Amino acid sequence: MHHFPAHELTIPGRFCGPAASGNGGWSAGALAGLLEHDCPENRADSWPAIEVTLRQPPPLDSPMQVHDDGEATVASFGGLPVLSARVLDEDTLVAVEGVPAEVARDAESSYAGLRQHPFPTCFACGTGRAEGDGLRIFPGPVEPVAGCDRVAATWTPHPSVQEDYHAYVDDQGRASLASTWAALDCVGAWSSDIEERPMVLGRMTAAVDALPVIGEAHVVVGQTLRREGRKTFTASSLYDSDDRVVARAEHTWITVDPADFR
């Protein structure tokens, strides 16, 4: 059984993706953080693989009711499910091959979102967000792997995204679980043809091996896996300054008309 420290989940306006709804990764990670089952008490330790499905755009600044329906933990608004989360029995997430920090930094100037961005307000990848407010993860193309397109960017977690739990094994501040999921989110879409086909997150599965240390330079990489109709499948990984994988994710994206989200 899951036991809840909270029966509500609210996504503050700061963590939007499109201007009027929550960033998919942040919202998914926030719900993942409410799963007690198998999750670390000190929260800096490794988390199991958690799958979150987005049923509709997460509302901002509005409490969602959280309950367990027997199969998943569900966040609902107005009686309708918005997000559902479950811990997977096994972690099959494969890390995307990393790149050196200087390669990732150089790639940022080629970020497609600098030319045109479907959601400039996005907490994770929006160009319209100030330093220290948004994550400003701007992934640009790097060498493909096995014929699959890849993008990379650097990310240094800002003190404003620090996890507010105190049971750490060390004195280093860590980025929150939700912000870590957000950092793993949009980089997947930017590895695909999001410019031609704007897309929103439909499902995300992530395993966090260690929450990222505040102030430490990280590298985020994303890779396109395949496309099926309106769906695009991608993967992403987060590396610390010692080139260790600290988190891995896979995503399912749904092609949309951005006008529907304004």
Protein backbone atom coordinates (compact mmCIF):
# COMPACT_ATOMS: atom_id res chain seq x y z
CA MET A 1 0.00 0.00 0.00
CA HIS A 2 1.00 3.61 -0.56
CA HIS A 3 0.79 5.94 2.42
CA PHE A 4 0.39 9.61 1.74
CA PRO A 5 2.03 12.51 3.47
CA ALA A 6 -0.24 14.68 1.31
CA HIS A 7 -3.71 14.29 -0.18
CA GLU A 8 -3.35 17.34 -2.39
CA LEU A 9 -0.86 18.46 -5.02
CA THR A 10 -0.60 22.04 -6.23
CA ILE A 11 1.66 23.15 -9.08
CA PRO A 12 2.81 26.73 -8.44
CA GLY A 13 2.65 29.05 -11.45
CA ARG A 14 6.44 29.27 -11.56
CA PHE A 15 6.55 25.68 -12.82
CA CYS A 16 4.48 26.15 -15.97
CA GLY A 17 5.30 24.66 -19.37
CA PRO A 18 2.78 26.32 -21.66
CA ALA A 19 1.73 29.58 -19.98
CA ALA A 20 -1.50 28.16 -18.54
CA SER A 21 -0.47 24.64 -17.46
CA GLY A 22 2.24 22.83 -15.55
CA ASN A 23 5.54 21.74 -17.05
CA GLY A 24 5.04 18.03 -17.68
CA GLY A 25 8.29 16.91 -16.08
CA TRP A 26 7.93 19.08 -12.96
CA SER A 27 4.30 18.03 -12.50
CA ALA A 28 5.14 14.35 -12.98
CA GLY A 29 8.09 14.57 -10.59
CA ALA A 30 6.00 16.34 -7.97
CA LEU A 31 3.49 13.48 -8.01
CA ALA A 32 6.32 10.92 -8.03
CA GLY A 33 7.58 12.56 -4.83
CA LEU A 34 4.32 11.66 -3.07
CA LEU A 35 4.79 7.92 -3.65
CA GLU A 36 6.01 6.53 -0.34
CA HIS A 37 6.41 2.97 -1.60
CA ASP A 38 10.09 2.02 -1.95
CA CYS A 39 11.17 5.65 -2.02
CA PRO A 40 14.18 6.78 0.01
CA GLU A 41 13.62 8.37 3.39
CA ASN A 42 16.49 10.80 3.02
CA ARG A 43 15.42 11.52 -0.59
CA ALA A 44 18.99 12.07 -1.82
CA ASP A 45 19.39 8.30 -2.30
CA SER A 46 18.40 6.43 -5.43
CA TRP A 47 14.73 6.40 -6.39
CA PRO A 48 13.04 3.50 -8.16
CA ALA A 49 11.81 3.82 -11.74
CA ILE A 50 8.48 5.68 -11.59
CA GLU A 51 6.10 5.99 -14.53
CA VAL A 52 3.78 9.01 -14.74
CA THR A 53 1.03 9.38 -17.34
CA LEU A 54 -0.42 12.83 -18.12
CA ARG A 55 -4.13 12.67 -18.96
CA GLN A 56 -4.67 16.41 -19.45
CA PRO A 57 -2.68 19.64 -18.98
CA PRO A 58 -1.91 20.04 -15.25
CA PRO A 59 -3.63 23.13 -13.77
CA LEU A 60 -1.57 25.85 -12.10
CA ASP A 61 -2.06 27.16 -8.55
CA SER A 62 -5.08 24.87 -8.10
CA PRO A 63 -5.07 21.98 -5.59
CA MET A 64 -5.48 18.56 -7.21
CA GLN A 65 -6.88 15.74 -5.11
CA VAL A 66 -4.46 12.80 -4.74
CA HIS A 67 -5.74 9.27 -4.17
CA ASP A 68 -4.71 5.67 -4.74
CA ASP A 69 -7.03 3.82 -7.13
CA GLY A 70 -5.45 0.44 -6.37
CA GLU A 71 -3.24 0.45 -9.46
CA ALA A 72 -1.73 3.93 -9.40
CA THR A 73 -1.56 7.16 -7.45
CA VAL A 74 -3.84 9.63 -9.22
CA ALA A 75 -3.99 13.44 -9.07
CA SER A 76 -7.43 14.70 -10.12
CA PHE A 77 -8.95 18.12 -10.74
CA GLY A 78 -12.68 18.75 -11.05
CA GLY A 79 -13.24 15.01 -10.67
CA LEU A 80 -11.13 14.16 -13.73
CA PRO A 81 -7.70 12.46 -13.61
CA VAL A 82 -4.80 14.75 -14.58
CA LEU A 83 -1.75 12.61 -13.71
CA SER A 84 -1.27 9.03 -12.56
CA ALA A 85 1.94 7.55 -11.16
CA ARG A 86 3.18 4.07 -10.34
CA VAL A 87 6.45 2.50 -9.24
CA LEU A 88 7.67 0.01 -11.85
CA ASP A 89 8.74 -3.49 -10.79
CA GLU A 90 12.00 -3.17 -12.68
CA ASP A 91 14.21 -0.36 -13.89
CA THR A 92 14.91 -0.89 -17.61
CA LEU A 93 15.91 2.71 -18.37
CA VAL A 94 19.15 2.81 -20.37
CA ALA A 95 21.37 5.88 -20.04
CA VAL A 96 21.79 8.08 -23.11
CA GLU A 97 25.48 8.31 -23.97
CA GLY A 98 26.97 11.46 -22.47
CA VAL A 99 29.13 14.20 -23.95
CA PRO A 100 31.85 16.35 -22.34
CA ALA A 101 30.61 19.55 -20.68
CA GLU A 102 32.40 21.77 -23.23
CA VAL A 103 30.64 19.95 -26.10
CA ALA A 104 27.27 20.44 -24.38
CA ARG A 105 28.05 24.11 -23.74
CA ASP A 106 29.02 24.69 -27.38
CA ALA A 107 25.80 22.99 -28.53
CA GLU A 108 23.63 25.49 -26.62
CA SER A 109 24.22 28.26 -29.17
CA SER A 110 22.54 26.01 -31.78
CA TYR A 111 19.43 25.46 -29.60
CA ALA A 112 16.44 25.46 -31.97
CA GLY A 113 14.33 27.23 -29.32
CA LEU A 114 16.46 30.36 -29.73
CA ARG A 115 15.08 30.71 -33.27
CA GLN A 116 11.49 29.73 -32.55
CA HIS A 117 9.91 28.30 -29.41
CA PRO A 118 6.39 26.84 -29.08
CA PHE A 119 6.34 27.49 -25.30
CA PRO A 120 8.82 30.28 -24.33
CA THR A 121 7.28 30.33 -20.83
CA CYS A 122 8.46 26.76 -20.09
CA PHE A 123 10.12 26.35 -16.67
CA ALA A 124 12.66 23.88 -18.05
CA CYS A 125 13.54 25.05 -21.56
CA GLY A 126 11.81 28.41 -22.04
CA THR A 127 13.81 31.27 -23.50
CA GLY A 128 11.47 33.79 -21.86
CA ARG A 129 12.48 32.78 -18.33
CA ALA A 130 15.10 34.65 -16.32
CA GLU A 131 18.26 33.10 -14.85
CA GLY A 132 17.41 31.68 -11.41
CA ASP A 133 13.70 31.51 -12.29
CA GLY A 134 13.54 28.98 -15.12
CA LEU A 135 16.09 26.19 -15.55
CA ARG A 136 17.11 27.64 -18.95
CA ILE A 137 18.19 24.25 -20.30
CA PHE A 138 18.87 24.99 -23.98
CA PRO A 139 19.88 21.73 -25.71
CA GLY A 140 21.55 21.88 -29.11
CA PRO A 141 22.48 19.07 -31.51
CA VAL A 142 25.48 16.84 -30.82
CA GLU A 143 26.83 13.75 -32.58
CA PRO A 144 24.05 11.17 -33.26
CA VAL A 145 24.37 7.69 -31.73
CA ALA A 146 23.44 4.61 -33.76
CA GLY A 147 21.54 6.80 -36.22
CA CYS A 148 19.50 8.45 -33.43
CA ASP A 149 19.51 12.24 -33.10
CA ARG A 150 20.92 13.63 -29.85
CA VAL A 151 20.98 17.03 -28.14
CA ALA A 152 22.88 18.24 -25.08
CA ALA A 153 23.06 21.21 -22.72
CA THR A 154 24.63 22.15 -19.41
CA TRP A 155 22.63 22.73 -16.23
CA THR A 156 23.84 24.05 -12.89
CA PRO A 157 21.02 23.67 -10.34
CA HIS A 158 20.17 27.04 -8.78
CA PRO A 159 19.56 27.39 -4.99
CA SER A 160 15.92 28.27 -5.71
CA VAL A 161 15.20 24.67 -6.81
CA GLN A 162 16.69 23.10 -3.68
CA GLU A 163 14.75 20.21 -2.13
CA ASP A 164 13.13 21.31 1.14
CA TYR A 165 13.63 18.01 2.96
CA HIS A 166 16.20 17.97 5.74
CA ALA A 167 17.05 14.28 6.07
CA TYR A 168 20.14 14.38 3.88
CA VAL A 169 23.07 12.01 4.15
CA ASP A 170 25.41 14.95 3.51
CA ASP A 171 25.44 18.72 3.85
CA GLN A 172 25.17 19.47 0.15
CA GLY A 173 21.95 21.03 -1.01
CA ARG A 174 20.20 18.99 -3.69
CA ALA A 175 17.77 19.91 -6.43
CA SER A 176 14.21 18.79 -5.71
CA LEU A 177 12.87 15.62 -7.28
CA ALA A 178 10.36 17.65 -9.34
CA SER A 179 13.08 19.97 -10.70
CA THR A 180 15.24 16.94 -11.54
CA TRP A 181 12.35 15.43 -13.52
CA ALA A 182 11.87 18.83 -15.21
CA ALA A 183 15.55 18.88 -16.21
CA LEU A 184 15.08 15.44 -17.82
CA ASP A 185 11.87 16.44 -19.59
CA CYS A 186 12.07 18.86 -22.55
CA VAL A 187 15.55 17.77 -23.65
CA GLY A 188 13.83 14.66 -25.03
CA ALA A 189 11.47 16.68 -27.22
CA TRP A 190 14.27 18.91 -28.51
CA SER A 191 16.12 15.82 -29.74
CA SER A 192 13.17 15.32 -32.08
CA ASP A 193 11.55 17.62 -34.64
CA ILE A 194 9.60 19.71 -32.10
CA GLU A 195 10.04 22.77 -34.35
CA GLU A 196 8.00 21.16 -37.12
CA ARG A 197 5.83 19.11 -34.76
CA PRO A 198 5.12 20.88 -31.44
CA MET A 199 4.49 18.24 -28.79
CA VAL A 200 3.53 17.84 -25.17
CA LEU A 201 4.47 15.15 -22.68
CA GLY A 202 2.11 12.16 -22.56
CA ARG A 203 4.12 9.83 -20.35
CA MET A 204 7.46 9.96 -18.57
CA THR A 205 9.34 7.27 -16.70
CA ALA A 206 12.35 8.33 -14.65
CA ALA A 207 14.84 6.80 -12.24
CA VAL A 208 16.89 9.21 -10.14
CA ASP A 209 20.13 7.62 -8.91
CA ALA A 210 21.09 10.70 -6.85
CA LEU A 211 19.47 14.14 -6.63
CA PRO A 212 21.73 16.69 -8.38
CA VAL A 213 23.92 18.87 -6.17
CA ILE A 214 23.07 22.59 -6.12
CA GLY A 215 25.76 24.70 -7.80
CA GLU A 216 27.45 21.75 -9.52
CA ALA A 217 27.71 21.82 -13.33
CA HIS A 218 25.74 18.97 -14.94
CA VAL A 219 25.22 17.82 -18.52
CA VAL A 220 21.77 16.87 -19.84
CA VAL A 221 21.49 14.74 -22.98
CA GLY A 222 18.40 13.76 -24.97
CA GLN A 223 17.95 11.24 -27.75
CA THR A 224 15.12 10.35 -30.14
CA LEU A 225 14.26 6.65 -30.04
CA ARG A 226 11.43 6.30 -32.59
CA ARG A 227 8.17 7.76 -33.94
CA GLU A 228 4.76 6.16 -34.33
CA GLY A 229 2.05 8.37 -35.82
CA ARG A 230 1.38 11.30 -33.49
CA LYS A 231 3.68 9.81 -30.84
CA THR A 232 7.43 10.39 -30.49
CA PHE A 233 9.54 8.29 -28.10
CA THR A 234 12.68 9.80 -26.57
CA ALA A 235 15.17 9.25 -23.74
CA SER A 236 17.31 11.55 -21.59
CA SER A 237 20.04 11.37 -18.97
CA LEU A 238 21.65 13.72 -16.48
CA TYR A 239 25.39 13.54 -15.74
CA ASP A 240 27.26 15.19 -12.86
CA SER A 241 30.63 16.93 -13.12
CA ASP A 242 32.42 13.57 -12.64
CA ASP A 243 30.53 12.16 -15.66
CA ARG A 244 28.43 9.90 -13.45
CA VAL A 245 24.82 9.27 -14.45
CA VAL A 246 22.60 10.78 -11.75
CA ALA A 247 19.22 10.29 -13.46
CA ARG A 248 17.66 8.60 -16.51
CA ALA A 249 14.30 8.98 -18.24
CA GLU A 250 12.16 7.96 -21.20
CA HIS A 251 9.26 9.93 -22.65
CA THR A 252 6.24 9.59 -24.90
CA TRP A 253 5.31 12.86 -26.65
CA ILE A 254 2.02 13.68 -28.36
CA THR A 255 1.97 16.08 -31.33
CA VAL A 256 -0.34 19.05 -30.62
CA ASP A 257 -1.38 22.45 -31.90
CA PRO A 258 0.28 24.98 -29.53
CA ALA A 259 -2.75 27.25 -29.92
CA ASP A 260 -4.76 24.73 -27.89
CA PHE A 261 -2.48 25.42 -24.90
CA ARG A 262 -2.52 29.20 -24.92
